[in-house]
Protein backbone atom coordinates (compact mmCIF):
# COMPACT_ATOMS: atom_id res chain seq x y z
CA MET A 1 -4.03 -21.68 9.89
CA ARG A 2 -0.31 -21.79 9.20
CA GLN A 3 1.97 -20.55 11.93
CA MET A 4 2.82 -16.89 11.48
CA VAL A 5 6.49 -16.10 11.42
CA ALA A 6 7.23 -12.44 12.23
CA LEU A 7 9.86 -10.63 10.19
CA PHE A 8 12.01 -7.91 11.70
CA GLY A 9 14.61 -7.94 10.06
CA ALA A 10 9.15 7.40 -18.27
CA ILE A 11 6.73 8.81 -19.14
CA ALA A 12 3.37 9.27 -17.52
CA LEU A 13 0.32 8.24 -19.57
CA PHE A 14 -3.04 9.87 -19.37
CA ALA A 15 -5.60 7.85 -17.44
CA PHE A 16 -8.86 7.83 -19.32
CA PRO A 17 -12.04 8.06 -17.24
CA MET A 18 -14.18 4.99 -16.83
CA GLY A 19 -17.23 4.62 -19.00
CA ASN A 20 -20.78 5.62 -18.10
CA SER A 21 -21.60 2.14 -16.90
CA ALA A 22 -18.89 2.39 -14.25
CA ARG A 23 -20.21 5.76 -13.13
CA ALA A 24 -23.76 4.44 -12.87
CA ALA A 25 -22.75 1.40 -10.85
CA GLU A 26 -22.98 1.46 -7.07
CA PRO A 27 -19.60 2.46 -5.63
CA PRO A 28 -17.69 -0.25 -3.78
CA GLU A 29 -18.01 -0.47 -0.03
CA LYS A 30 -15.35 1.75 1.45
CA CYS A 31 -12.74 0.68 3.94
CA PRO A 32 -13.23 -0.13 6.76
CA ARG A 33 -15.77 -2.92 6.33
CA MET A 34 -14.76 -5.19 9.21
CA VAL A 35 -14.38 -2.74 12.08
CA ALA A 36 -14.67 -4.43 15.48
CA GLN A 37 -18.12 -4.14 17.04
CA ASP A 38 -16.74 -2.33 20.04
CA GLN A 39 -15.29 0.42 17.81
CA PRO A 40 -17.26 3.19 16.07
CA SER A 41 -17.91 2.36 12.42
CA THR A 42 -16.96 5.87 11.30
CA PRO A 43 -14.28 7.10 13.71
CA SER A 44 -13.46 10.78 13.70
CA PRO A 45 -10.33 11.97 11.85
CA ARG A 46 -8.83 13.00 15.19
CA VAL A 47 -9.03 9.41 16.48
CA TRP A 48 -7.67 7.93 13.26
CA ARG A 49 -4.77 10.37 12.99
CA ALA A 50 -3.43 10.41 16.51
CA ALA A 51 0.12 9.16 15.90
CA PHE A 52 1.71 6.14 14.25
CA ARG A 53 4.08 3.89 16.15
CA PRO A 54 7.48 3.46 14.44
CA ALA A 55 10.27 1.28 15.70
CA ALA A 56 12.60 2.62 18.37
CA ASP A 57 15.26 3.53 15.82
CA ALA A 58 13.05 5.78 13.71
CA LYS A 59 14.46 9.25 13.13
CA THR A 60 12.58 12.33 12.03
CA VAL A 61 14.30 14.21 9.22
CA GLY A 62 15.12 17.90 9.68
CA ALA A 63 12.88 20.03 11.83
CA LYS A 64 9.76 18.12 10.92
CA THR A 65 8.10 16.00 13.57
CA ALA A 66 5.98 12.89 13.25
CA ASP A 67 4.33 13.18 16.69
CA ALA A 68 5.04 9.48 17.32
CA LYS A 69 4.60 7.54 20.52
CA THR A 70 7.65 5.94 22.01
CA ALA A 71 8.20 2.42 20.76
CA ASP A 72 8.28 0.93 24.27
CA ALA A 73 4.86 2.33 25.17
CA GLU A 74 2.36 -0.48 24.67
CA PRO A 75 -0.80 0.84 22.99
CA ALA A 76 -4.20 0.00 24.44
CA ASN A 77 -5.14 -1.85 21.25
CA ALA A 78 -2.04 -4.08 21.06
CA GLY A 79 -4.23 -6.92 19.74
CA ARG A 80 -5.45 -4.82 16.81
CA GLN A 81 -2.23 -3.95 15.06
CA VAL A 82 -0.95 -4.95 11.64
CA ARG A 83 2.71 -5.69 11.12
CA LEU A 84 4.08 -4.41 7.81
CA THR A 85 7.57 -5.29 6.59
CA PHE A 86 9.28 -3.88 3.50
CA VAL A 87 10.96 -6.86 1.85
CA GLY A 88 12.27 -4.87 -1.11
CA HIS A 89 11.43 -3.41 -4.54
CA SER A 90 7.60 -3.49 -4.44
CA THR A 91 7.16 -6.42 -2.09
CA PHE A 92 5.81 -6.02 1.42
CA LEU A 93 4.81 -8.66 3.93
CA ILE A 94 1.56 -7.80 5.70
CA GLU A 95 0.71 -9.80 8.83
CA SER A 96 -2.69 -9.58 10.51
CA PRO A 97 -3.54 -10.12 14.19
CA ALA A 98 -5.23 -13.43 13.24
CA GLY A 99 -2.08 -14.69 11.51
CA VAL A 100 -3.00 -14.03 7.86
CA THR A 101 0.13 -13.28 5.81
CA ILE A 102 0.14 -11.38 2.50
CA ALA A 103 3.00 -10.71 0.07
CA THR A 104 2.51 -7.89 -2.43
CA ASP A 105 3.93 -7.98 -5.97
CA TYR A 106 5.04 -11.57 -5.34
CA ASN A 107 7.80 -12.56 -7.79
CA ASP A 108 10.76 -14.87 -8.34
CA TYR A 109 13.47 -12.43 -7.20
CA VAL A 110 12.35 -10.63 -4.05
CA ARG A 111 10.31 -12.72 -1.64
CA PRO A 112 9.66 -12.79 2.09
CA ASP A 113 11.32 -15.52 4.14
CA ILE A 114 8.01 -17.33 4.59
CA VAL A 115 5.42 -18.67 2.16
CA PRO A 116 2.51 -16.25 2.47
CA MET A 117 -1.11 -17.30 2.64
CA ILE A 118 -2.04 -14.67 0.02
CA ALA A 119 0.00 -13.23 -2.86
CA THR A 120 -0.92 -10.25 -5.03
CA MET A 121 0.79 -9.46 -8.34
CA ASN A 122 1.24 -6.75 -10.96
CA ARG A 123 2.42 -7.55 -14.47
CA ALA A 124 4.51 -4.58 -15.59
CA HIS A 125 7.77 -6.54 -15.29
CA ASP A 126 8.76 -9.95 -14.01
CA THR A 127 9.95 -8.37 -10.76
CA HIS A 128 6.27 -7.87 -9.92
CA TYR A 129 4.81 -11.30 -10.69
CA THR A 130 5.64 -14.94 -11.21
CA ASP A 131 4.20 -17.64 -13.43
CA HIS A 132 5.21 -20.21 -10.83
CA PRO A 133 3.93 -19.16 -7.39
CA ASP A 134 4.76 -21.40 -4.46
CA PRO A 135 2.10 -24.15 -4.28
CA GLY A 136 1.71 -23.45 -0.58
CA ILE A 137 0.07 -20.08 -1.30
CA ALA A 138 -3.67 -20.42 -0.72
CA TYR A 139 -4.77 -17.38 -2.73
CA VAL A 140 -2.97 -15.94 -5.76
CA LEU A 141 -4.51 -12.62 -6.83
CA ARG A 142 -3.31 -11.36 -10.19
CA GLY A 143 -3.84 -7.69 -10.98
CA TRP A 144 -4.88 -8.41 -14.57
CA GLY A 145 -7.81 -10.34 -15.98
CA GLU A 146 -8.33 -12.71 -18.87
CA ASN A 147 -9.50 -11.97 -22.43
CA GLY A 148 -9.07 -8.25 -22.07
CA GLN A 149 -11.30 -7.99 -19.02
CA PRO A 150 -10.15 -6.24 -15.82
CA ALA A 151 -9.39 -8.29 -12.75
CA GLN A 152 -12.08 -8.35 -10.06
CA HIS A 153 -11.06 -9.40 -6.57
CA ASP A 154 -13.09 -9.17 -3.37
CA LEU A 155 -11.68 -11.60 -0.83
CA THR A 156 -12.16 -11.96 2.91
CA VAL A 157 -9.84 -14.27 4.84
CA GLU A 158 -10.12 -14.27 8.63
CA ASP A 159 -9.56 -10.64 9.66
CA VAL A 160 -8.38 -9.41 6.24
CA TRP A 161 -10.40 -7.92 3.38
CA ILE A 162 -8.71 -7.47 -0.03
CA ARG A 163 -10.05 -5.84 -3.18
CA ASN A 164 -8.52 -4.31 -6.31
CA VAL A 165 -8.98 -1.14 -8.33
CA PRO A 166 -7.98 -1.55 -12.01
CA THR A 167 -5.52 0.85 -13.63
CA ASN A 168 -4.02 1.26 -17.10
CA ILE A 169 -0.59 0.00 -18.10
CA ARG A 170 1.86 0.92 -20.84
CA ARG A 171 2.35 -1.76 -23.45
CA GLY A 172 5.08 -0.75 -25.89
CA ALA A 173 3.93 2.47 -27.54
CA GLY A 174 0.32 1.88 -26.55
CA THR A 175 -1.85 1.43 -23.48
CA ASP A 176 -3.73 -1.55 -22.09
CA TYR A 177 -6.76 -0.16 -20.29
CA GLU A 178 -7.73 -1.58 -16.88
CA ALA A 179 -5.05 -4.24 -17.33
CA ASN A 180 -3.31 -3.80 -14.00
CA SER A 181 -4.43 -3.12 -10.43
CA MET A 182 -3.97 -1.30 -7.20
CA PHE A 183 -4.76 -3.53 -4.24
CA VAL A 184 -6.51 -2.36 -1.08
CA PHE A 185 -6.07 -4.31 2.15
CA GLU A 186 -8.08 -3.78 5.31
CA VAL A 187 -6.30 -5.32 8.27
CA ALA A 188 -7.18 -4.55 11.90
CA GLY A 189 -9.22 -1.61 10.66
CA VAL A 190 -6.25 -0.06 8.86
CA CYS A 191 -6.77 0.57 5.12
CA ILE A 192 -3.59 0.00 3.11
CA ALA A 193 -3.33 0.73 -0.63
CA HIS A 194 -0.52 -0.77 -2.73
CA LEU A 195 -0.39 1.34 -5.89
CA GLY A 196 1.48 -1.29 -7.88
CA HIS A 197 3.39 -0.31 -11.02
CA LEU A 198 1.29 2.80 -11.53
CA HIS A 199 1.70 4.49 -14.94
CA HIS A 200 -0.76 7.39 -14.79
CA VAL A 201 -2.39 10.00 -12.61
CA LEU A 202 -5.56 8.69 -11.03
CA THR A 203 -8.96 9.97 -12.12
CA GLN A 204 -11.70 10.91 -9.69
CA ASP A 205 -13.26 7.52 -10.43
CA HIS A 206 -10.12 5.81 -9.18
CA ILE A 207 -10.03 7.95 -6.04
CA GLU A 208 -13.66 7.19 -5.26
CA ALA A 209 -13.10 3.48 -5.85
CA LEU A 210 -10.16 3.48 -3.45
CA GLY A 211 -12.21 5.10 -0.72
CA ARG A 212 -10.58 6.22 2.49
CA ILE A 213 -6.95 5.11 2.62
CA ASP A 214 -4.76 5.27 5.73
CA VAL A 215 -1.43 3.96 4.40
CA VAL A 216 -0.17 4.25 0.80
CA LEU A 217 2.62 2.03 -0.53
CA ALA A 218 3.83 4.24 -3.38
CA PRO A 219 6.31 3.69 -6.25
CA VAL A 220 8.60 6.72 -6.27
CA ASP A 221 11.25 6.00 -8.95
CA GLY A 222 9.80 8.77 -11.13
CA SER A 223 10.54 7.10 -14.47
CA TYR A 224 9.47 3.47 -14.91
CA THR A 225 6.28 4.25 -13.02
CA LEU A 226 4.57 7.61 -12.64
CA ASP A 227 6.74 10.75 -12.78
CA ILE A 228 7.41 12.55 -9.50
CA ASP A 229 4.98 15.42 -10.11
CA GLY A 230 2.30 12.92 -11.04
CA MET A 231 2.98 10.92 -7.89
CA ARG A 232 2.77 14.06 -5.76
CA GLU A 233 -0.61 14.83 -7.35
CA THR A 234 -1.76 11.26 -6.77
CA LEU A 235 -0.73 11.23 -3.12
CA LYS A 236 -2.44 14.55 -2.53
CA ALA A 237 -5.65 13.20 -4.08
CA ILE A 238 -5.57 10.01 -1.98
CA ASN A 239 -4.88 12.11 1.13
CA ALA A 240 -3.60 9.30 3.34
CA PRO A 241 -1.83 10.20 6.61
CA LEU A 242 1.05 7.78 6.00
CA VAL A 243 3.07 7.15 2.81
CA ILE A 244 5.70 4.40 2.55
CA PRO A 245 7.97 4.64 -0.53
CA MET A 246 8.82 1.61 -2.66
CA HIS A 247 10.20 0.89 -6.14
CA TYR A 248 13.24 3.16 -6.06
CA PHE A 249 16.70 2.16 -7.20
CA SER A 250 19.14 4.39 -5.32
CA ALA A 251 19.42 6.72 -2.36
CA TRP A 252 19.65 9.56 -4.88
CA GLY A 253 16.36 8.56 -6.47
CA LEU A 254 14.62 8.33 -3.11
CA ASP A 255 16.02 11.68 -1.96
CA ARG A 256 14.90 13.29 -5.23
CA PHE A 257 11.34 12.23 -4.46
CA LEU A 258 11.53 13.32 -0.84
CA SER A 259 12.97 16.73 -1.77
CA ARG A 260 9.99 17.42 -4.06
CA LEU A 261 7.36 16.84 -1.39
CA GLY A 262 7.91 20.21 0.24
CA GLU A 263 6.81 21.13 3.74
CA GLU A 264 3.49 19.32 3.53
CA TYR A 265 5.00 16.02 4.69
CA ALA A 266 7.09 15.03 7.65
CA VAL A 267 9.81 12.53 6.74
CA VAL A 268 10.84 9.70 9.07
CA ARG A 269 13.64 7.25 8.31
CA GLN A 270 13.83 3.91 10.07
CA THR A 271 16.59 1.30 10.09
CA SER A 272 14.18 -1.55 10.80
CA PRO A 273 12.11 -2.74 7.80
CA THR A 274 9.12 -3.44 10.05
CA VAL A 275 6.49 -1.07 11.44
CA MET A 276 3.43 -1.76 13.60
CA LEU A 277 0.29 0.04 12.45
CA ALA A 278 -3.00 0.62 14.25
CA ARG A 279 -6.00 2.81 13.54
CA GLU A 280 -5.34 4.91 16.63
CA THR A 281 -1.66 5.39 15.87
CA LEU A 282 -1.58 7.15 12.53
CA PRO A 283 0.22 10.50 12.19
CA THR A 284 -1.56 13.79 12.70
CA LYS A 285 0.51 15.33 9.89
CA PRO A 286 0.95 13.62 6.50
CA THR A 287 4.13 11.59 6.93
CA VAL A 288 6.52 9.67 4.69
CA LEU A 289 8.04 6.68 6.47
CA VAL A 290 11.18 5.32 4.77
CA LEU A 291 11.79 1.64 5.48
CA PRO A 292 14.93 -0.18 4.33
CA GLY A 293 14.57 -3.12 1.94
CA ARG A 294 16.81 -5.18 -0.26
């Protein structure tokens, strides 16, 4: 195991339903799969949505509250937390309690300061993938398959489980079906979905394939990816307690997204790019957590 280095520091397309064979197939095992034996396998929503634990500098926007614990209060499950850092654009560094490191949308322009053990990629633009990943990366998971087939990933490394859910992607004036992916990560019992360069509203098949999601990493630019109304619909369907925006290009663009969410979400802004997540410390009210990234 490599030593883990902590970091602190437009048009929407229709998504066509999957075929009958996909409907007839057994649905994928839902997150969480690797819950600790001393924890209930199906915890109640009240336990899972107690409060998330932002950094000390987090600020709640307006009159909305995130019901967060103070950052200096050590949670009882300190050993079962996942560290998530927004590197920038669509790249996050996910670090597990066992030291597994994952970089999402790994590319040649925006990278974490360490070589991750696992890299996931999308192929919409070259800011979401690379043809030359660092040779030190043990697992390179591309969100597209070969010969027109969708990618299929189901990988367990130490205390991390990763799988993908195929999505469609624009290709010029047309559409490549199931040619990109959303990735789902279970780390320390927390289920994190990276929506990738999403181009369409999700169908019920997609929602069922995702399963229960606790944290959504969502592209919110509203043009290159899904439009804002489509993203609102998607987030509502996924119904995760915590949303972290990515893939926006200005403060104006981010604020445009936030202003369209309405009163359903609390909004918390944080000056640190890193947040600690645990299954017991997720918000009681749907919350958008804004992390800075380059």
